[in-house]
Amino acid sequence: MGDERVKEEALRILGLFQVLPKLVVFDLDYTLWPFYCECRSKREMPYLYPHAKGILHALRERGIDVAIASRSPTSDIARTFLDKLGIQSMFVAKEIFSSWTHKTDHFQRIHSRTGIPFKSMLFFDDEDRNIDTVSKMGVTSILVDDGVNLEELRLGLAKYASNSASSIIQQPDCTDGVDV
């Protein structure tokens, strides 16, 4: 499935949900691309998982911001790869740095930069420990097994919609016993 067909299918999936995140955050290694940056050279030509680029373009077309949260110790290589892939400018925030915090610092910086609340974010990553930690911040988080794809997108949006629905607080009926 080419990038354009993936984008069309991703747009169709996005259209199935009434509630959408304001920001979708992606890890890089084994989430957007199938390798670790630190095991590569800047001279190489990187590549994305087959559905990644179409999904990114669909999110942007729907007006949903995208960001990166990566604990890569080689941010220079990661940024070079984003440039080579022609997707560097798609991201409203690129937090790419080594950290022992399982991405809490990354998300604090993303929140500071965008002003978007954690509960309005959806996150995709391939590591359980990052999913667990970021979920505790209030971010809807999805563990990807073999990179982000259309099925993971559908799953993430469904979980986000469910989390959003369960966080709506019922307002008391203030008209009980009151003449209106």
N, C-alpha and C. Protein backbone atom coordinates (compact mmCIF):
# COMPACT_ATOMS: atom_id res chain seq x y z
N MET A 1 0.86 -1.18 0.00
CA MET A 1 0.00 0.00 0.00
C MET A 1 0.90 1.24 0.00
N GLY A 2 0.75 2.10 -1.01
CA GLY A 2 1.58 3.30 -1.11
C GLY A 2 1.18 4.36 -0.10
N ASP A 3 2.04 5.37 0.04
CA ASP A 3 1.80 6.45 1.01
C ASP A 3 0.44 7.12 0.83
N GLU A 4 0.05 7.36 -0.43
CA GLU A 4 -1.22 8.04 -0.69
C GLU A 4 -2.41 7.18 -0.28
N ARG A 5 -2.35 5.88 -0.56
CA ARG A 5 -3.45 4.99 -0.17
C ARG A 5 -3.51 4.84 1.35
N VAL A 6 -2.35 4.80 2.00
CA VAL A 6 -2.32 4.74 3.47
C VAL A 6 -2.92 6.01 4.03
N LYS A 7 -2.56 7.15 3.45
CA LYS A 7 -3.11 8.43 3.91
C LYS A 7 -4.63 8.44 3.78
N GLU A 8 -5.15 8.00 2.65
CA GLU A 8 -6.60 7.96 2.44
C GLU A 8 -7.28 7.05 3.47
N GLU A 9 -6.69 5.89 3.74
CA GLU A 9 -7.27 4.97 4.72
C GLU A 9 -7.18 5.57 6.13
N ALA A 10 -6.06 6.23 6.43
CA ALA A 10 -5.91 6.87 7.74
C ALA A 10 -6.94 7.99 7.91
N LEU A 11 -7.19 8.75 6.85
CA LEU A 11 -8.22 9.80 6.91
C LEU A 11 -9.60 9.19 7.14
N ARG A 12 -9.86 8.05 6.51
CA ARG A 12 -11.14 7.36 6.71
C ARG A 12 -11.27 6.93 8.18
N ILE A 13 -10.20 6.37 8.73
CA ILE A 13 -10.20 5.93 10.13
C ILE A 13 -10.42 7.14 11.05
N LEU A 14 -9.72 8.23 10.79
CA LEU A 14 -9.89 9.43 11.60
C LEU A 14 -11.34 9.92 11.57
N GLY A 15 -11.98 9.76 10.43
CA GLY A 15 -13.37 10.19 10.27
C GLY A 15 -14.37 9.37 11.06
N LEU A 16 -13.95 8.21 11.56
CA LEU A 16 -14.84 7.35 12.33
C LEU A 16 -15.02 7.84 13.77
N PHE A 17 -14.18 8.77 14.20
CA PHE A 17 -14.17 9.19 15.61
C PHE A 17 -14.61 10.64 15.75
N GLN A 18 -15.53 10.87 16.72
CA GLN A 18 -15.99 12.23 16.98
C GLN A 18 -14.98 13.00 17.82
N VAL A 19 -14.26 12.29 18.67
CA VAL A 19 -13.28 12.92 19.55
C VAL A 19 -11.89 12.51 19.07
N LEU A 20 -11.06 13.50 18.75
CA LEU A 20 -9.71 13.23 18.28
C LEU A 20 -8.69 13.95 19.17
N PRO A 21 -7.50 13.39 19.28
CA PRO A 21 -6.47 14.06 20.06
C PRO A 21 -6.05 15.36 19.38
N LYS A 22 -5.53 16.29 20.17
CA LYS A 22 -5.00 17.53 19.61
C LYS A 22 -3.57 17.33 19.12
N LEU A 23 -2.88 16.34 19.72
CA LEU A 23 -1.47 16.08 19.40
C LEU A 23 -1.23 14.58 19.44
N VAL A 24 -0.53 14.07 18.42
CA VAL A 24 -0.10 12.68 18.41
C VAL A 24 1.42 12.67 18.46
N VAL A 25 1.96 11.96 19.44
CA VAL A 25 3.40 11.92 19.68
C VAL A 25 3.92 10.53 19.30
N PHE A 26 5.05 10.52 18.60
CA PHE A 26 5.65 9.27 18.17
C PHE A 26 7.07 9.14 18.71
N ASP A 27 7.41 7.93 19.12
CA ASP A 27 8.80 7.56 19.33
C ASP A 27 9.38 7.38 17.92
N LEU A 28 10.70 7.31 17.81
CA LEU A 28 11.32 7.09 16.52
C LEU A 28 11.72 5.62 16.32
N ASP A 29 12.71 5.16 17.10
CA ASP A 29 13.28 3.83 16.90
C ASP A 29 12.26 2.73 17.15
N TYR A 30 12.06 1.91 16.15
CA TYR A 30 11.11 0.79 16.16
C TYR A 30 9.66 1.23 16.36
N THR A 31 9.39 2.51 16.07
CA THR A 31 8.01 3.02 16.06
C THR A 31 7.74 3.67 14.70
N LEU A 32 8.54 4.68 14.32
CA LEU A 32 8.42 5.24 12.98
C LEU A 32 9.35 4.55 11.99
N TRP A 33 10.53 4.13 12.49
CA TRP A 33 11.46 3.41 11.61
C TRP A 33 11.98 2.16 12.29
N PRO A 34 12.36 1.15 11.50
CA PRO A 34 12.71 -0.17 12.06
C PRO A 34 14.19 -0.36 12.39
N PHE A 35 14.76 0.54 13.17
CA PHE A 35 16.16 0.43 13.57
C PHE A 35 16.44 1.43 14.70
N TYR A 36 17.62 1.26 15.34
CA TYR A 36 18.11 2.23 16.32
C TYR A 36 19.03 3.21 15.63
N CYS A 37 18.81 4.49 15.84
CA CYS A 37 19.66 5.52 15.22
C CYS A 37 21.13 5.32 15.56
N GLU A 38 21.39 4.95 16.82
CA GLU A 38 22.79 4.85 17.25
C GLU A 38 23.54 3.72 16.56
N CYS A 39 22.83 2.86 15.86
CA CYS A 39 23.47 1.76 15.11
C CYS A 39 23.63 2.12 13.63
N ARG A 40 23.38 3.37 13.30
CA ARG A 40 23.41 3.81 11.90
C ARG A 40 24.39 4.96 11.72
N SER A 41 24.67 5.27 10.47
CA SER A 41 25.54 6.38 10.12
C SER A 41 24.70 7.46 9.43
N LYS A 42 25.09 8.71 9.62
CA LYS A 42 24.39 9.82 8.97
C LYS A 42 24.41 9.69 7.45
N ARG A 43 25.39 8.96 6.93
CA ARG A 43 25.52 8.83 5.47
C ARG A 43 24.48 7.88 4.88
N GLU A 44 23.87 7.05 5.72
CA GLU A 44 22.88 6.08 5.22
C GLU A 44 21.57 6.78 4.84
N MET A 45 20.81 6.12 3.98
CA MET A 45 19.48 6.61 3.65
C MET A 45 18.48 5.84 4.52
N PRO A 46 17.80 6.53 5.44
CA PRO A 46 16.84 5.86 6.33
C PRO A 46 15.55 5.54 5.59
N TYR A 47 14.70 4.76 6.24
CA TYR A 47 13.38 4.45 5.69
C TYR A 47 12.42 4.26 6.85
N LEU A 48 11.16 4.52 6.57
CA LEU A 48 10.11 4.42 7.58
C LEU A 48 9.40 3.08 7.46
N TYR A 49 8.64 2.74 8.51
CA TYR A 49 7.72 1.62 8.39
C TYR A 49 6.73 1.96 7.27
N PRO A 50 6.17 0.96 6.59
CA PRO A 50 5.34 1.20 5.40
C PRO A 50 4.16 2.16 5.58
N HIS A 51 3.51 2.20 6.75
CA HIS A 51 2.34 3.05 6.94
C HIS A 51 2.66 4.40 7.57
N ALA A 52 3.87 4.58 8.06
CA ALA A 52 4.20 5.75 8.87
C ALA A 52 3.99 7.08 8.15
N LYS A 53 4.52 7.22 6.96
CA LYS A 53 4.43 8.51 6.26
C LYS A 53 2.98 8.87 5.92
N GLY A 54 2.20 7.92 5.46
CA GLY A 54 0.80 8.17 5.14
C GLY A 54 0.01 8.59 6.37
N ILE A 55 0.29 7.96 7.50
CA ILE A 55 -0.38 8.32 8.76
C ILE A 55 -0.01 9.74 9.17
N LEU A 56 1.27 10.08 9.10
CA LEU A 56 1.71 11.43 9.46
C LEU A 56 1.00 12.47 8.59
N HIS A 57 0.94 12.23 7.29
CA HIS A 57 0.29 13.18 6.39
C HIS A 57 -1.21 13.29 6.67
N ALA A 58 -1.86 12.17 6.98
CA ALA A 58 -3.29 12.20 7.30
C ALA A 58 -3.56 13.02 8.56
N LEU A 59 -2.75 12.81 9.58
CA LEU A 59 -2.93 13.56 10.83
C LEU A 59 -2.79 15.06 10.57
N ARG A 60 -1.77 15.42 9.82
CA ARG A 60 -1.55 16.83 9.52
C ARG A 60 -2.71 17.41 8.71
N GLU A 61 -3.20 16.63 7.73
CA GLU A 61 -4.31 17.11 6.91
C GLU A 61 -5.57 17.34 7.74
N ARG A 62 -5.77 16.54 8.78
CA ARG A 62 -6.93 16.71 9.67
C ARG A 62 -6.70 17.80 10.70
N GLY A 63 -5.53 18.44 10.68
CA GLY A 63 -5.25 19.53 11.61
C GLY A 63 -4.77 19.06 12.96
N ILE A 64 -4.34 17.81 13.05
CA ILE A 64 -3.82 17.26 14.30
C ILE A 64 -2.30 17.41 14.29
N ASP A 65 -1.78 18.08 15.30
CA ASP A 65 -0.34 18.26 15.40
C ASP A 65 0.35 16.94 15.72
N VAL A 66 1.60 16.83 15.27
CA VAL A 66 2.41 15.65 15.58
C VAL A 66 3.74 16.10 16.19
N ALA A 67 4.27 15.23 17.06
CA ALA A 67 5.53 15.53 17.74
C ALA A 67 6.33 14.24 17.90
N ILE A 68 7.58 14.41 18.31
CA ILE A 68 8.48 13.28 18.54
C ILE A 68 8.96 13.32 19.98
N ALA A 69 8.96 12.14 20.62
CA ALA A 69 9.57 11.96 21.93
C ALA A 69 10.48 10.74 21.81
N SER A 70 11.79 10.99 21.71
CA SER A 70 12.74 9.90 21.50
C SER A 70 13.89 10.01 22.49
N ARG A 71 14.23 8.88 23.10
CA ARG A 71 15.35 8.86 24.05
C ARG A 71 16.66 8.48 23.35
N SER A 72 16.78 8.82 22.10
CA SER A 72 17.97 8.46 21.32
C SER A 72 19.21 9.20 21.84
N PRO A 73 20.32 8.47 22.02
CA PRO A 73 21.56 9.14 22.41
C PRO A 73 22.25 9.81 21.22
N THR A 74 21.70 9.63 20.02
CA THR A 74 22.30 10.22 18.82
C THR A 74 21.27 11.11 18.12
N SER A 75 20.92 12.21 18.78
CA SER A 75 19.90 13.11 18.23
C SER A 75 20.34 13.69 16.89
N ASP A 76 21.63 13.87 16.69
CA ASP A 76 22.12 14.41 15.42
C ASP A 76 21.78 13.47 14.26
N ILE A 77 21.94 12.17 14.47
CA ILE A 77 21.61 11.19 13.43
C ILE A 77 20.09 11.17 13.21
N ALA A 78 19.32 11.19 14.29
CA ALA A 78 17.86 11.18 14.17
C ALA A 78 17.39 12.40 13.37
N ARG A 79 17.91 13.57 13.67
CA ARG A 79 17.50 14.78 12.96
C ARG A 79 17.92 14.74 11.48
N THR A 80 19.10 14.21 11.22
CA THR A 80 19.56 14.05 9.84
C THR A 80 18.61 13.12 9.08
N PHE A 81 18.20 12.03 9.73
CA PHE A 81 17.29 11.09 9.09
C PHE A 81 15.92 11.73 8.82
N LEU A 82 15.41 12.51 9.76
CA LEU A 82 14.14 13.21 9.56
C LEU A 82 14.24 14.15 8.35
N ASP A 83 15.39 14.82 8.23
CA ASP A 83 15.64 15.69 7.07
C ASP A 83 15.66 14.89 5.78
N LYS A 84 16.43 13.81 5.76
CA LYS A 84 16.54 12.98 4.56
C LYS A 84 15.20 12.41 4.13
N LEU A 85 14.34 12.14 5.09
CA LEU A 85 13.02 11.59 4.80
C LEU A 85 12.01 12.67 4.40
N GLY A 86 12.41 13.93 4.55
CA GLY A 86 11.54 15.04 4.17
C GLY A 86 10.38 15.27 5.12
N ILE A 87 10.53 14.86 6.38
CA ILE A 87 9.42 15.00 7.33
C ILE A 87 9.75 15.86 8.54
N GLN A 88 10.95 16.42 8.59
CA GLN A 88 11.39 17.23 9.74
C GLN A 88 10.41 18.35 10.07
N SER A 89 9.89 19.03 9.05
CA SER A 89 9.02 20.20 9.26
C SER A 89 7.60 19.83 9.69
N MET A 90 7.26 18.54 9.67
CA MET A 90 5.90 18.12 10.04
C MET A 90 5.63 18.21 11.53
N PHE A 91 6.68 18.21 12.34
CA PHE A 91 6.53 18.07 13.79
C PHE A 91 6.56 19.42 14.50
N VAL A 92 5.59 19.65 15.38
CA VAL A 92 5.54 20.89 16.15
C VAL A 92 6.54 20.88 17.29
N ALA A 93 6.98 19.69 17.68
CA ALA A 93 8.00 19.55 18.72
C ALA A 93 8.80 18.29 18.42
N LYS A 94 10.12 18.41 18.59
CA LYS A 94 11.02 17.26 18.39
C LYS A 94 11.91 17.16 19.63
N GLU A 95 11.48 16.38 20.58
CA GLU A 95 12.25 16.19 21.81
C GLU A 95 13.04 14.88 21.65
N ILE A 96 14.30 15.03 21.22
CA ILE A 96 15.16 13.89 20.93
C ILE A 96 16.42 14.04 21.77
N PHE A 97 16.47 13.31 22.87
CA PHE A 97 17.64 13.35 23.74
C PHE A 97 17.64 12.13 24.65
N SER A 98 18.83 11.74 25.08
CA SER A 98 18.98 10.60 25.97
C SER A 98 18.47 10.97 27.36
N SER A 99 17.80 10.05 28.01
CA SER A 99 17.20 10.34 29.31
C SER A 99 16.94 9.04 30.05
N TRP A 100 16.97 9.11 31.37
CA TRP A 100 16.63 7.95 32.21
C TRP A 100 15.21 8.07 32.75
N THR A 101 14.48 9.09 32.32
CA THR A 101 13.16 9.35 32.90
C THR A 101 12.01 8.66 32.18
N HIS A 102 12.28 7.80 31.22
CA HIS A 102 11.23 7.11 30.46
C HIS A 102 10.26 8.10 29.84
N LYS A 103 10.78 9.18 29.36
CA LYS A 103 10.10 10.18 28.53
C LYS A 103 9.25 11.21 29.28
N THR A 104 9.26 11.23 30.60
CA THR A 104 8.50 12.27 31.29
C THR A 104 9.07 13.65 30.98
N ASP A 105 10.39 13.78 30.91
CA ASP A 105 10.99 15.08 30.55
C ASP A 105 10.60 15.48 29.13
N HIS A 106 10.59 14.52 28.23
CA HIS A 106 10.19 14.79 26.84
C HIS A 106 8.78 15.37 26.80
N PHE A 107 7.87 14.73 27.54
CA PHE A 107 6.47 15.18 27.51
C PHE A 107 6.28 16.51 28.23
N GLN A 108 7.04 16.75 29.29
CA GLN A 108 6.97 18.07 29.94
C GLN A 108 7.37 19.16 28.96
N ARG A 109 8.42 18.91 28.19
CA ARG A 109 8.89 19.90 27.21
C ARG A 109 7.88 20.07 26.07
N ILE A 110 7.30 18.96 25.62
CA ILE A 110 6.29 19.04 24.56
C ILE A 110 5.10 19.87 25.05
N HIS A 111 4.67 19.61 26.28
CA HIS A 111 3.55 20.36 26.86
C HIS A 111 3.90 21.85 26.97
N SER A 112 5.11 22.15 27.44
CA SER A 112 5.54 23.55 27.57
C SER A 112 5.57 24.25 26.21
N ARG A 113 6.04 23.54 25.21
CA ARG A 113 6.16 24.12 23.88
C ARG A 113 4.80 24.31 23.20
N THR A 114 3.88 23.36 23.39
CA THR A 114 2.60 23.39 22.65
C THR A 114 1.44 23.93 23.48
N GLY A 115 1.52 23.81 24.80
CA GLY A 115 0.40 24.19 25.66
C GLY A 115 -0.72 23.16 25.66
N ILE A 116 -0.53 22.05 24.98
CA ILE A 116 -1.57 21.01 24.88
C ILE A 116 -1.54 20.15 26.15
N PRO A 117 -2.69 19.99 26.81
CA PRO A 117 -2.74 19.15 28.01
C PRO A 117 -2.40 17.69 27.69
N PHE A 118 -1.84 16.99 28.66
CA PHE A 118 -1.49 15.58 28.48
C PHE A 118 -2.70 14.75 28.07
N LYS A 119 -3.87 15.06 28.64
CA LYS A 119 -5.07 14.27 28.35
C LYS A 119 -5.55 14.45 26.91
N SER A 120 -5.00 15.45 26.20
CA SER A 120 -5.36 15.68 24.81
C SER A 120 -4.32 15.12 23.84
N MET A 121 -3.43 14.25 24.37
CA MET A 121 -2.36 13.67 23.56
C MET A 121 -2.55 12.16 23.39
N LEU A 122 -2.06 11.66 22.27
CA LEU A 122 -2.00 10.23 21.97
C LEU A 122 -0.55 9.91 21.65
N PHE A 123 -0.02 8.83 22.22
CA PHE A 123 1.41 8.50 22.11
C PHE A 123 1.60 7.08 21.63
N PHE A 124 2.52 6.89 20.69
CA PHE A 124 2.88 5.56 20.18
C PHE A 124 4.35 5.30 20.47
N ASP A 125 4.64 4.13 21.06
CA ASP A 125 6.02 3.76 21.40
C ASP A 125 6.12 2.24 21.41
N ASP A 126 7.35 1.75 21.28
CA ASP A 126 7.57 0.30 21.25
C ASP A 126 8.07 -0.26 22.58
N GLU A 127 8.19 0.58 23.61
CA GLU A 127 8.71 0.10 24.90
C GLU A 127 7.66 0.24 26.00
N ASP A 128 7.39 -0.90 26.67
CA ASP A 128 6.43 -0.94 27.79
C ASP A 128 6.71 0.13 28.83
N ARG A 129 7.97 0.27 29.23
CA ARG A 129 8.30 1.20 30.33
C ARG A 129 7.93 2.63 29.98
N ASN A 130 8.08 3.02 28.71
CA ASN A 130 7.68 4.37 28.30
C ASN A 130 6.16 4.51 28.29
N ILE A 131 5.49 3.48 27.81
CA ILE A 131 4.02 3.49 27.77
C ILE A 131 3.47 3.63 29.19
N ASP A 132 4.00 2.83 30.12
CA ASP A 132 3.53 2.87 31.51
C ASP A 132 3.74 4.25 32.14
N THR A 133 4.94 4.79 32.00
CA THR A 133 5.26 6.07 32.63
C THR A 133 4.45 7.22 32.05
N VAL A 134 4.36 7.27 30.72
CA VAL A 134 3.64 8.37 30.07
C VAL A 134 2.14 8.26 30.32
N SER A 135 1.62 7.04 30.38
CA SER A 135 0.19 6.85 30.69
C SER A 135 -0.15 7.45 32.05
N LYS A 136 0.75 7.32 33.01
CA LYS A 136 0.52 7.87 34.35
C LYS A 136 0.44 9.39 34.34
N MET A 137 0.95 10.02 33.29
CA MET A 137 0.87 11.47 33.15
C MET A 137 -0.51 11.89 32.59
N GLY A 138 -1.29 10.92 32.14
CA GLY A 138 -2.60 11.21 31.57
C GLY A 138 -2.65 11.13 30.06
N VAL A 139 -1.54 10.74 29.43
CA VAL A 139 -1.47 10.61 27.98
C VAL A 139 -1.99 9.23 27.57
N THR A 140 -2.90 9.18 26.61
CA THR A 140 -3.33 7.89 26.06
C THR A 140 -2.14 7.32 25.30
N SER A 141 -1.70 6.11 25.68
CA SER A 141 -0.47 5.55 25.13
C SER A 141 -0.70 4.16 24.57
N ILE A 142 -0.11 3.92 23.39
CA ILE A 142 -0.29 2.66 22.67
C ILE A 142 1.07 2.02 22.43
N LEU A 143 1.18 0.76 22.84
CA LEU A 143 2.40 -0.02 22.60
C LEU A 143 2.33 -0.60 21.19
N VAL A 144 3.32 -0.27 20.36
CA VAL A 144 3.36 -0.82 19.01
C VAL A 144 4.32 -2.00 19.00
N ASP A 145 3.95 -3.01 18.24
CA ASP A 145 4.74 -4.23 18.19
C ASP A 145 5.75 -4.19 17.05
N ASP A 146 5.30 -3.76 15.89
CA ASP A 146 6.17 -3.76 14.71
C ASP A 146 5.99 -2.45 13.96
N GLY A 147 6.17 -1.35 14.66
CA GLY A 147 6.02 -0.03 14.07
C GLY A 147 4.58 0.42 14.00
N VAL A 148 4.41 1.72 13.83
CA VAL A 148 3.06 2.27 13.73
C VAL A 148 2.47 1.85 12.39
N ASN A 149 1.18 1.49 12.44
CA ASN A 149 0.47 1.10 11.22
C ASN A 149 -1.00 1.50 11.37
N LEU A 150 -1.78 1.24 10.35
CA LEU A 150 -3.18 1.66 10.36
C LEU A 150 -3.98 1.01 11.49
N GLU A 151 -3.70 -0.25 11.78
CA GLU A 151 -4.42 -0.93 12.87
C GLU A 151 -4.08 -0.31 14.23
N GLU A 152 -2.79 0.02 14.43
CA GLU A 152 -2.38 0.68 15.68
C GLU A 152 -3.02 2.07 15.78
N LEU A 153 -3.12 2.77 14.65
CA LEU A 153 -3.78 4.08 14.64
C LEU A 153 -5.23 3.93 15.08
N ARG A 154 -5.94 2.96 14.49
CA ARG A 154 -7.35 2.73 14.85
C ARG A 154 -7.47 2.40 16.34
N LEU A 155 -6.62 1.54 16.82
CA LEU A 155 -6.61 1.16 18.24
C LEU A 155 -6.35 2.38 19.12
N GLY A 156 -5.37 3.18 18.75
CA GLY A 156 -5.04 4.37 19.53
C GLY A 156 -6.18 5.37 19.58
N LEU A 157 -6.81 5.60 18.44
CA LEU A 157 -7.93 6.54 18.40
C LEU A 157 -9.13 6.04 19.20
N ALA A 158 -9.37 4.72 19.14
CA ALA A 158 -10.48 4.14 19.93
C ALA A 158 -10.20 4.28 21.42
N LYS A 159 -8.96 4.00 21.82
CA LYS A 159 -8.60 4.12 23.24
C LYS A 159 -8.67 5.59 23.68
N TYR A 160 -8.22 6.49 22.82
CA TYR A 160 -8.28 7.91 23.15
C TYR A 160 -9.74 8.35 23.33
N ALA A 161 -10.60 7.96 22.40
CA ALA A 161 -12.03 8.32 22.49
C ALA A 161 -12.64 7.77 23.76
N SER A 162 -12.30 6.52 24.10
CA SER A 162 -12.82 5.91 25.32
C SER A 162 -12.33 6.64 26.57
N ASN A 163 -11.05 6.97 26.60
CA ASN A 163 -10.48 7.71 27.74
C ASN A 163 -11.12 9.09 27.85
N SER A 164 -11.37 9.74 26.72
CA SER A 164 -11.98 11.07 26.73
C SER A 164 -13.40 11.00 27.24
N ALA A 165 -14.14 9.98 26.81
CA ALA A 165 -15.54 9.83 27.24
C ALA A 165 -15.61 9.55 28.74
N SER A 166 -14.69 8.76 29.26
CA SER A 166 -14.74 8.42 30.69
C SER A 166 -14.26 9.57 31.56
N SER A 167 -13.61 10.58 30.96
CA SER A 167 -13.14 11.70 31.78
C SER A 167 -14.13 12.85 31.80
N ILE A 168 -15.22 12.73 31.03
CA ILE A 168 -16.23 13.79 31.04
C ILE A 168 -17.01 13.70 32.36
N ILE A 169 -17.05 14.80 33.05
CA ILE A 169 -17.72 14.84 34.35
C ILE A 169 -19.17 15.27 34.11
N GLN A 170 -20.09 14.51 34.68
CA GLN A 170 -21.50 14.87 34.57
C GLN A 170 -21.75 16.13 35.39
N GLN A 171 -22.38 17.11 34.74
CA GLN A 171 -22.73 18.34 35.44
C GLN A 171 -24.04 18.10 36.20
N PRO A 172 -24.14 18.60 37.42
CA PRO A 172 -25.39 18.42 38.17
C PRO A 172 -26.53 19.17 37.48
N ASP A 173 -27.73 18.63 37.61
CA ASP A 173 -28.91 19.26 37.05
C ASP A 173 -29.35 20.34 38.04
N CYS A 174 -29.06 21.57 37.72
CA CYS A 174 -29.32 22.69 38.64
C CYS A 174 -30.76 23.18 38.59
N THR A 175 -31.62 22.56 37.76
CA THR A 175 -32.99 23.01 37.66
C THR A 175 -33.92 22.25 38.59
N ASP A 176 -33.40 21.20 39.28
CA ASP A 176 -34.26 20.42 40.19
C ASP A 176 -34.77 21.31 41.30
N GLY A 177 -36.10 21.40 41.41
CA GLY A 177 -36.72 22.14 42.51
C GLY A 177 -36.66 23.64 42.33
N VAL A 178 -36.25 24.11 41.17
CA VAL A 178 -36.15 25.54 40.94
C VAL A 178 -37.12 25.93 39.83
N ASP A 179 -37.90 26.96 40.10
CA ASP A 179 -38.80 27.44 39.05
C ASP A 179 -37.98 28.18 38.00
N VAL A 180 -38.18 27.76 36.75
CA VAL A 180 -37.43 28.38 35.66
C VAL A 180 -38.34 29.25 34.84
